[in-house]
Amino acid sequence: MISQLYIASDSLQILTRGYVDNVWLQAVTGLLLLGAFAWAANWVAKRIVLALLLRLIDHLPFRVEAAHIGAVVARLSNIVPALIIQSGVAAVPHLPVRLAGFIASLCAAFIILTLAIALSGLLTLGNDLYQRRPDAANRPIKGYVQVAKLLVYGAASILMIAALMDQSPLLLLSGLGAMAAVLMLVFKDTILSLVASVQIGSNDMVRVGDWIEMPQLDANGDVIDIALHTVKVQNFDRTITTIPTHRLISESFRNWRGMQESGGRRIMRALVIDQNSVGFLDEAGLAAVARFGLLRTYLHDKQDDLSRWNGDHAAGNRLDGRRLTNIGTFRAYVLAYLRAHGGAAGGHG
């Protein structure tokens, strides 16, 4: 590749000096020819590399969409013309040295940016592949992927600035210490969200598909997305509530996952009873409630138990004896009714 670039550089000088006499026209013509070489190399790289990768995809043990790979390849193929321009711009005749250096620096910054975007695309592809796993909803990695993207773009920004300034990246990093307070202020939400995402994932607090309720933010519905900075909840009226991730750690919320996994939901209802109506069951009352089939077993067992207790502890003293009450019998009827009801799930207390 290096020898080809030198040959192209010599060709530029021969072509421009042989047919163009004006100095500036030679420089412009050289730039145009260099751009033509770069465009041709880009076209070839996209066709050849993409074709090879598509063949490789067919032999992978997992399915990858060609569109995702094509987007990454299209980004990477742009590096080829940038390398050609960066290496060949110095050979353009009569081009000012400072301008040639600036163009080379722009190409270097463009290459770094292209690599960062391509790496970001690979991270997105990795997240998409991970989402196909059956346990992906329980352990989402979207927040970690976004953190990785931030690190990639942060490193790329430092390298791009260093390339444009023609300085060492270490020199720029040494100056970041003085900006630590400013950076902490700027990235405060990102840092809080990162810590919250780690805690949510490690403690399994929220998953995609969970029904959560957060009244202070008017959120009551299913979680549809968990990202680094936000958690999206689709309410039951089909509206979307966006919750900052760190607020799930700093504030309370209700997760109904346990109820959904158990297959039932405990509800509380109040039965209003007149306290003046509470009393013992006499013979007429026992005869009346004995007609209810749901109470037959309860009355039989309870009367046997009371007879044994009264015989052992209250013989001859009716005041010390135990008797059935109408409110206790009513409570037994309610429990028996719920157990016999087809819509009430048993085994949940």
Protein backbone atom coordinates (compact mmCIF):
# COMPACT_ATOMS: atom_id res chain seq x y z
CA MET A 1 0.00 0.00 0.00
CA ILE A 2 2.86 2.40 0.86
CA SER A 3 4.58 1.79 -2.48
CA GLN A 4 1.30 2.38 -4.29
CA LEU A 5 0.88 5.70 -2.49
CA TYR A 6 4.36 6.80 -3.53
CA ILE A 7 3.60 5.80 -7.12
CA ALA A 8 0.36 7.78 -6.99
CA SER A 9 2.23 10.77 -5.57
CA ASP A 10 4.78 10.67 -8.38
CA SER A 11 1.96 10.33 -10.90
CA LEU A 12 0.28 13.43 -9.46
CA GLN A 13 3.44 15.48 -9.90
CA ILE A 14 4.03 14.20 -13.44
CA LEU A 15 0.44 14.79 -14.55
CA THR A 16 0.10 18.26 -13.10
CA ARG A 17 3.52 19.54 -14.14
CA GLY A 18 3.30 18.12 -17.62
CA TYR A 19 -0.03 19.57 -18.60
CA VAL A 20 -0.66 22.54 -16.30
CA ASP A 21 1.62 25.56 -16.19
CA ASN A 22 -0.11 27.73 -13.57
CA VAL A 23 1.07 27.04 -10.01
CA TRP A 24 -2.36 27.27 -8.40
CA LEU A 25 -3.95 25.23 -11.15
CA GLN A 26 -1.35 22.54 -10.53
CA ALA A 27 -2.28 22.48 -6.84
CA VAL A 28 -6.03 22.37 -7.54
CA THR A 29 -5.58 19.72 -10.23
CA GLY A 30 -3.46 17.66 -7.86
CA LEU A 31 -6.13 17.85 -5.18
CA LEU A 32 -8.82 16.82 -7.67
CA LEU A 33 -6.77 13.86 -8.87
CA LEU A 34 -6.06 12.86 -5.28
CA GLY A 35 -9.77 13.04 -4.52
CA ALA A 36 -10.52 10.88 -7.57
CA PHE A 37 -8.02 8.25 -6.39
CA ALA A 38 -9.57 8.32 -2.92
CA TRP A 39 -13.12 7.96 -4.28
CA ALA A 40 -12.11 5.00 -6.45
CA ALA A 41 -10.40 3.31 -3.50
CA ASN A 42 -13.49 3.88 -1.37
CA TRP A 43 -15.73 2.32 -4.02
CA VAL A 44 -13.50 -0.73 -4.33
CA ALA A 45 -13.22 -1.15 -0.55
CA LYS A 46 -16.98 -1.05 -0.07
CA ARG A 47 -17.64 -3.57 -2.83
CA ILE A 48 -14.88 -6.05 -2.00
CA VAL A 49 -14.92 -5.91 1.80
CA LEU A 50 -18.70 -5.95 2.03
CA ALA A 51 -18.91 -8.94 -0.32
CA LEU A 52 -16.35 -10.86 1.74
CA LEU A 53 -18.12 -10.06 5.00
CA LEU A 54 -21.51 -11.11 3.64
CA ARG A 55 -20.02 -14.47 2.73
CA LEU A 56 -18.55 -14.75 6.20
CA ILE A 57 -21.91 -13.94 7.80
CA ASP A 58 -23.51 -16.93 6.08
CA HIS A 59 -21.13 -19.26 7.95
CA LEU A 60 -21.69 -17.75 11.40
CA PRO A 61 -23.46 -19.95 13.99
CA PHE A 62 -25.88 -17.09 14.77
CA ARG A 63 -27.96 -14.84 12.54
CA VAL A 64 -26.75 -11.30 11.87
CA GLU A 65 -28.64 -8.80 9.73
CA ALA A 66 -26.70 -7.72 6.67
CA ALA A 67 -27.95 -4.16 7.17
CA HIS A 68 -26.13 -3.87 10.50
CA ILE A 69 -22.89 -5.22 9.06
CA GLY A 70 -23.27 -3.06 5.96
CA ALA A 71 -23.55 0.09 8.07
CA VAL A 72 -20.35 -0.75 9.95
CA VAL A 73 -18.49 -1.64 6.74
CA ALA A 74 -19.64 1.59 5.10
CA ARG A 75 -18.09 3.52 7.99
CA LEU A 76 -14.85 1.56 7.95
CA SER A 77 -14.49 1.84 4.18
CA ASN A 78 -14.32 5.63 4.57
CA ILE A 79 -10.96 5.17 6.28
CA VAL A 80 -9.35 4.10 2.99
CA PRO A 81 -9.84 7.42 1.12
CA ALA A 82 -8.88 9.34 4.25
CA LEU A 83 -5.61 7.41 4.46
CA ILE A 84 -4.92 8.07 0.77
CA ILE A 85 -5.55 11.80 1.14
CA GLN A 86 -3.54 11.99 4.37
CA SER A 87 -0.56 10.23 2.78
CA GLY A 88 -0.78 11.86 -0.65
CA VAL A 89 -1.59 15.47 0.17
CA ALA A 90 2.08 16.24 0.80
CA ALA A 91 2.85 15.20 -2.79
CA VAL A 92 0.46 17.73 -4.35
CA PRO A 93 2.73 20.21 -6.14
CA HIS A 94 2.83 23.84 -4.98
CA LEU A 95 0.39 23.19 -2.12
CA PRO A 96 1.33 25.30 0.94
CA VAL A 97 2.91 23.23 3.68
CA ARG A 98 0.58 24.56 6.37
CA LEU A 99 -2.49 23.79 4.25
CA ALA A 100 -1.19 20.29 3.51
CA GLY A 101 -0.56 19.73 7.22
CA PHE A 102 -4.05 20.98 8.09
CA ILE A 103 -5.63 18.63 5.53
CA ALA A 104 -3.59 15.73 6.91
CA SER A 105 -4.71 16.58 10.45
CA LEU A 106 -8.34 16.73 9.30
CA CYS A 107 -7.95 13.30 7.72
CA ALA A 108 -6.46 11.92 10.94
CA ALA A 109 -9.35 13.34 12.98
CA PHE A 110 -11.83 11.95 10.45
CA ILE A 111 -10.25 8.49 10.72
CA ILE A 112 -10.53 8.57 14.51
CA LEU A 113 -14.17 9.69 14.32
CA THR A 114 -14.96 6.98 11.77
CA LEU A 115 -13.41 4.31 13.98
CA ALA A 116 -15.41 5.57 16.96
CA ILE A 117 -18.69 5.50 15.01
CA ALA A 118 -17.91 2.02 13.67
CA LEU A 119 -17.10 0.76 17.16
CA SER A 120 -20.34 2.30 18.41
CA GLY A 121 -22.18 0.42 15.67
CA LEU A 122 -20.52 -2.82 16.76
CA LEU A 123 -21.63 -2.20 20.34
CA THR A 124 -25.19 -1.63 19.12
CA LEU A 125 -24.99 -4.85 17.10
CA GLY A 126 -23.75 -6.71 20.17
CA ASN A 127 -26.69 -5.37 22.20
CA ASP A 128 -29.14 -6.42 19.48
CA LEU A 129 -27.68 -9.94 19.46
CA TYR A 130 -27.86 -10.07 23.25
CA GLN A 131 -31.54 -9.06 23.17
CA ARG A 132 -32.30 -12.35 21.40
CA ARG A 133 -31.29 -14.33 24.47
CA PRO A 134 -34.24 -15.64 26.52
CA ASP A 135 -32.83 -14.08 29.70
CA ALA A 136 -32.11 -10.68 28.12
CA ALA A 137 -35.19 -9.08 29.67
CA ASN A 138 -33.99 -10.09 33.15
CA ARG A 139 -30.44 -8.76 32.65
CA PRO A 140 -30.48 -5.86 30.17
CA ILE A 141 -27.08 -4.51 29.09
CA LYS A 142 -28.29 -1.43 27.25
CA GLY A 143 -27.07 0.84 30.05
CA TYR A 144 -23.60 -0.69 29.98
CA VAL A 145 -23.49 -0.40 26.19
CA GLN A 146 -24.31 3.29 26.44
CA VAL A 147 -21.55 3.76 29.02
CA ALA A 148 -19.11 2.02 26.67
CA LYS A 149 -20.21 4.34 23.86
CA LEU A 150 -19.61 7.38 26.06
CA LEU A 151 -16.10 6.13 26.83
CA VAL A 152 -15.43 5.49 23.14
CA TYR A 153 -16.60 8.94 22.06
CA GLY A 154 -14.78 10.56 24.98
CA ALA A 155 -11.49 8.92 24.01
CA ALA A 156 -12.13 9.73 20.34
CA SER A 157 -12.74 13.39 21.20
CA ILE A 158 -9.40 13.64 23.00
CA LEU A 159 -7.56 11.94 20.14
CA MET A 160 -9.28 14.14 17.53
CA ILE A 161 -8.38 17.35 19.36
CA ALA A 162 -4.81 16.10 19.74
CA ALA A 163 -4.66 15.33 16.01
CA LEU A 164 -6.01 18.75 15.02
CA MET A 165 -3.63 20.53 17.39
CA ASP A 166 -0.73 18.24 16.48
CA GLN A 167 -0.13 17.58 20.17
CA SER A 168 0.26 14.45 22.28
CA PRO A 169 -2.98 13.12 23.81
CA LEU A 170 -1.15 12.77 27.13
CA LEU A 171 -0.67 16.53 27.18
CA LEU A 172 -4.42 17.02 26.90
CA LEU A 173 -5.12 14.40 29.55
CA SER A 174 -2.79 16.16 31.98
CA GLY A 175 -4.97 19.25 31.68
CA LEU A 176 -8.16 17.34 32.47
CA GLY A 177 -7.22 17.16 36.14
CA ALA A 178 -7.84 20.88 36.50
CA MET A 179 -11.21 20.42 34.83
CA ALA A 180 -12.28 17.55 37.11
CA ALA A 181 -14.77 19.70 39.04
CA VAL A 182 -16.31 21.01 35.83
CA LEU A 183 -16.49 17.51 34.37
CA MET A 184 -18.15 16.19 37.53
CA LEU A 185 -20.75 18.93 37.25
CA VAL A 186 -21.36 18.36 33.54
CA PHE A 187 -21.56 14.57 33.83
CA LYS A 188 -23.38 14.50 37.18
CA ASP A 189 -26.52 12.91 35.74
CA THR A 190 -24.47 10.39 33.78
CA ILE A 191 -22.53 9.33 36.87
CA LEU A 192 -25.71 9.03 38.95
CA SER A 193 -27.42 7.05 36.19
CA LEU A 194 -24.42 4.74 35.82
CA VAL A 195 -24.41 3.92 39.55
CA ALA A 196 -28.19 3.45 39.49
CA SER A 197 -28.00 1.14 36.45
CA VAL A 198 -25.40 -1.04 38.16
CA GLN A 199 -27.49 -1.27 41.34
CA ILE A 200 -30.70 -1.98 39.45
CA GLY A 201 -29.04 -4.73 37.43
CA SER A 202 -27.13 -6.35 40.30
CA ASN A 203 -30.13 -6.30 42.67
CA ASP A 204 -32.62 -7.30 39.95
CA MET A 205 -34.91 -4.45 40.96
CA VAL A 206 -36.54 -3.78 37.59
CA ARG A 207 -36.78 -5.76 34.38
CA VAL A 208 -38.26 -5.01 30.99
CA GLY A 209 -41.88 -6.15 31.18
CA ASP A 210 -42.31 -5.49 34.91
CA TRP A 211 -45.41 -3.68 36.10
CA ILE A 212 -44.20 -0.85 38.33
CA GLU A 213 -46.08 1.92 40.09
CA MET A 214 -44.54 5.29 40.99
CA PRO A 215 -47.36 7.68 41.97
CA GLN A 216 -45.10 10.69 42.49
CA LEU A 217 -44.25 10.59 38.76
CA ASP A 218 -47.69 9.44 37.55
CA ALA A 219 -46.17 6.15 36.37
CA ASN A 220 -48.32 3.02 36.53
CA GLY A 221 -47.68 0.45 33.84
CA ASP A 222 -45.20 -1.87 32.15
CA VAL A 223 -41.49 -1.12 31.75
CA ILE A 224 -40.70 -1.11 28.02
CA ASP A 225 -37.11 0.14 28.02
CA ILE A 226 -34.22 0.45 30.48
CA ALA A 227 -31.43 2.75 29.32
CA LEU A 228 -28.56 4.51 31.02
CA HIS A 229 -30.35 7.78 31.77
CA THR A 230 -34.04 6.86 31.56
CA VAL A 231 -36.54 4.07 32.18
CA LYS A 232 -39.65 4.19 29.99
CA VAL A 233 -42.97 3.03 31.41
CA GLN A 234 -46.04 2.50 29.24
CA ASN A 235 -49.03 3.35 31.39
CA PHE A 236 -52.30 1.49 31.08
CA ASP A 237 -53.84 4.41 29.20
CA ARG A 238 -51.06 3.87 26.57
CA THR A 239 -49.17 7.02 27.55
CA ILE A 240 -45.41 6.88 28.13
CA THR A 241 -43.77 8.09 31.34
CA THR A 242 -40.00 8.63 31.28
CA ILE A 243 -38.34 8.15 34.67
CA PRO A 244 -34.72 9.19 35.37
CA THR A 245 -32.86 5.99 36.22
CA HIS A 246 -31.32 7.36 39.40
CA ARG A 247 -34.77 8.15 40.85
CA LEU A 248 -35.53 4.43 41.01
CA ILE A 249 -32.73 4.23 43.58
CA SER A 250 -33.37 7.43 45.51
CA GLU A 251 -37.17 7.13 45.67
CA SER A 252 -39.61 4.34 46.42
CA PHE A 253 -41.69 2.51 43.83
CA ARG A 254 -43.86 -0.60 43.75
CA ASN A 255 -42.98 -3.57 41.54
CA TRP A 256 -45.83 -6.02 40.90
CA ARG A 257 -43.56 -8.75 39.50
CA GLY A 258 -44.04 -10.97 42.56
CA MET A 259 -47.80 -10.87 42.17
CA GLN A 260 -47.56 -11.69 38.47
CA GLU A 261 -45.15 -14.58 39.02
CA SER A 262 -47.31 -16.06 41.79
CA GLY A 263 -50.32 -16.24 39.51
CA GLY A 264 -52.62 -14.39 41.91
CA ARG A 265 -53.13 -11.02 43.52
CA ARG A 266 -54.07 -10.35 47.11
CA ILE A 267 -56.85 -7.80 47.44
CA MET A 268 -58.28 -6.22 50.58
CA ARG A 269 -61.98 -5.49 50.95
CA ALA A 270 -63.89 -4.26 54.02
CA LEU A 271 -67.15 -5.89 55.13
CA VAL A 272 -69.25 -3.47 57.18
CA ILE A 273 -70.91 -5.13 60.20
CA ASP A 274 -73.29 -3.59 62.71
CA GLN A 275 -71.70 -4.17 66.11
CA ASN A 276 -75.13 -4.28 67.75
CA SER A 277 -75.96 -7.38 65.70
CA VAL A 278 -73.05 -9.46 67.07
CA GLY A 279 -74.16 -12.23 69.42
CA PHE A 280 -74.25 -15.95 70.21
CA LEU A 281 -76.03 -18.43 67.96
CA ASP A 282 -79.04 -20.04 69.57
CA GLU A 283 -80.72 -23.22 68.41
CA ALA A 284 -82.81 -21.36 65.83
CA GLY A 285 -79.73 -19.61 64.49
CA LEU A 286 -77.80 -22.89 64.24
CA ALA A 287 -80.68 -24.46 62.38
CA ALA A 288 -80.76 -21.53 59.98
CA VAL A 289 -77.05 -21.56 59.12
CA ALA A 290 -76.92 -25.36 58.95
CA ARG A 291 -78.83 -25.13 55.67
CA PHE A 292 -75.74 -23.66 53.96
CA GLY A 293 -73.68 -26.40 52.37
CA LEU A 294 -70.46 -24.38 52.66
CA LEU A 295 -70.82 -24.37 56.47
CA ARG A 296 -71.70 -28.03 56.96
CA THR A 297 -68.11 -29.19 57.59
CA TYR A 298 -67.27 -26.15 59.71
CA LEU A 299 -70.31 -26.53 61.96
CA HIS A 300 -69.74 -30.25 62.42
CA ASP A 301 -66.09 -29.84 63.42
CA LYS A 302 -66.71 -26.74 65.52
CA GLN A 303 -69.59 -28.24 67.49
CA ASP A 304 -67.54 -31.36 68.25
CA ASP A 305 -64.64 -29.20 69.43
CA LEU A 306 -66.87 -27.03 71.63
CA SER A 307 -68.58 -30.05 73.14
CA ARG A 308 -65.26 -31.61 74.13
CA TRP A 309 -63.92 -28.34 75.59
CA ASN A 310 -67.07 -27.57 77.55
CA GLY A 311 -67.14 -31.10 78.89
CA ASP A 312 -63.57 -30.81 80.15
CA HIS A 313 -63.51 -27.23 81.41
CA ALA A 314 -67.04 -25.93 81.91
CA ALA A 315 -68.99 -28.86 83.31
CA GLY A 316 -71.96 -27.53 85.22
CA ASN A 317 -71.03 -23.87 84.70
CA ARG A 318 -72.54 -22.36 81.61
CA LEU A 319 -70.79 -19.01 82.10
CA ASP A 320 -67.39 -20.65 81.52
CA GLY A 321 -68.53 -22.48 78.40
CA ARG A 322 -67.77 -21.67 74.79
CA ARG A 323 -70.44 -21.04 72.18
CA LEU A 324 -70.66 -20.22 68.51
CA THR A 325 -71.13 -16.58 67.52
CA ASN A 326 -72.84 -15.27 64.45
CA ILE A 327 -69.81 -13.16 63.45
CA GLY A 328 -67.41 -16.11 63.74
CA THR A 329 -69.75 -18.26 61.69
CA PHE A 330 -70.08 -15.50 59.12
CA ARG A 331 -66.27 -15.27 58.87
CA ALA A 332 -66.11 -19.02 58.29
CA TYR A 333 -68.76 -18.69 55.59
CA VAL A 334 -66.80 -15.94 53.80
CA LEU A 335 -63.61 -18.04 53.82
CA ALA A 336 -65.46 -21.11 52.57
CA TYR A 337 -67.14 -19.06 49.87
CA LEU A 338 -63.79 -17.68 48.62
CA ARG A 339 -62.17 -21.13 48.64
CA ALA A 340 -65.06 -22.54 46.62
CA HIS A 341 -65.11 -19.62 44.17
CA GLY A 342 -63.49 -20.45 40.84
CA GLY A 343 -62.10 -16.95 40.36
CA ALA A 344 -60.19 -16.88 43.65
CA ALA A 345 -56.74 -18.47 43.61
CA GLY A 346 -55.90 -20.66 46.58
CA GLY A 347 -52.52 -21.04 48.22
CA HIS A 348 -51.72 -17.31 48.41
CA GLY A 349 -52.73 -16.66 52.01
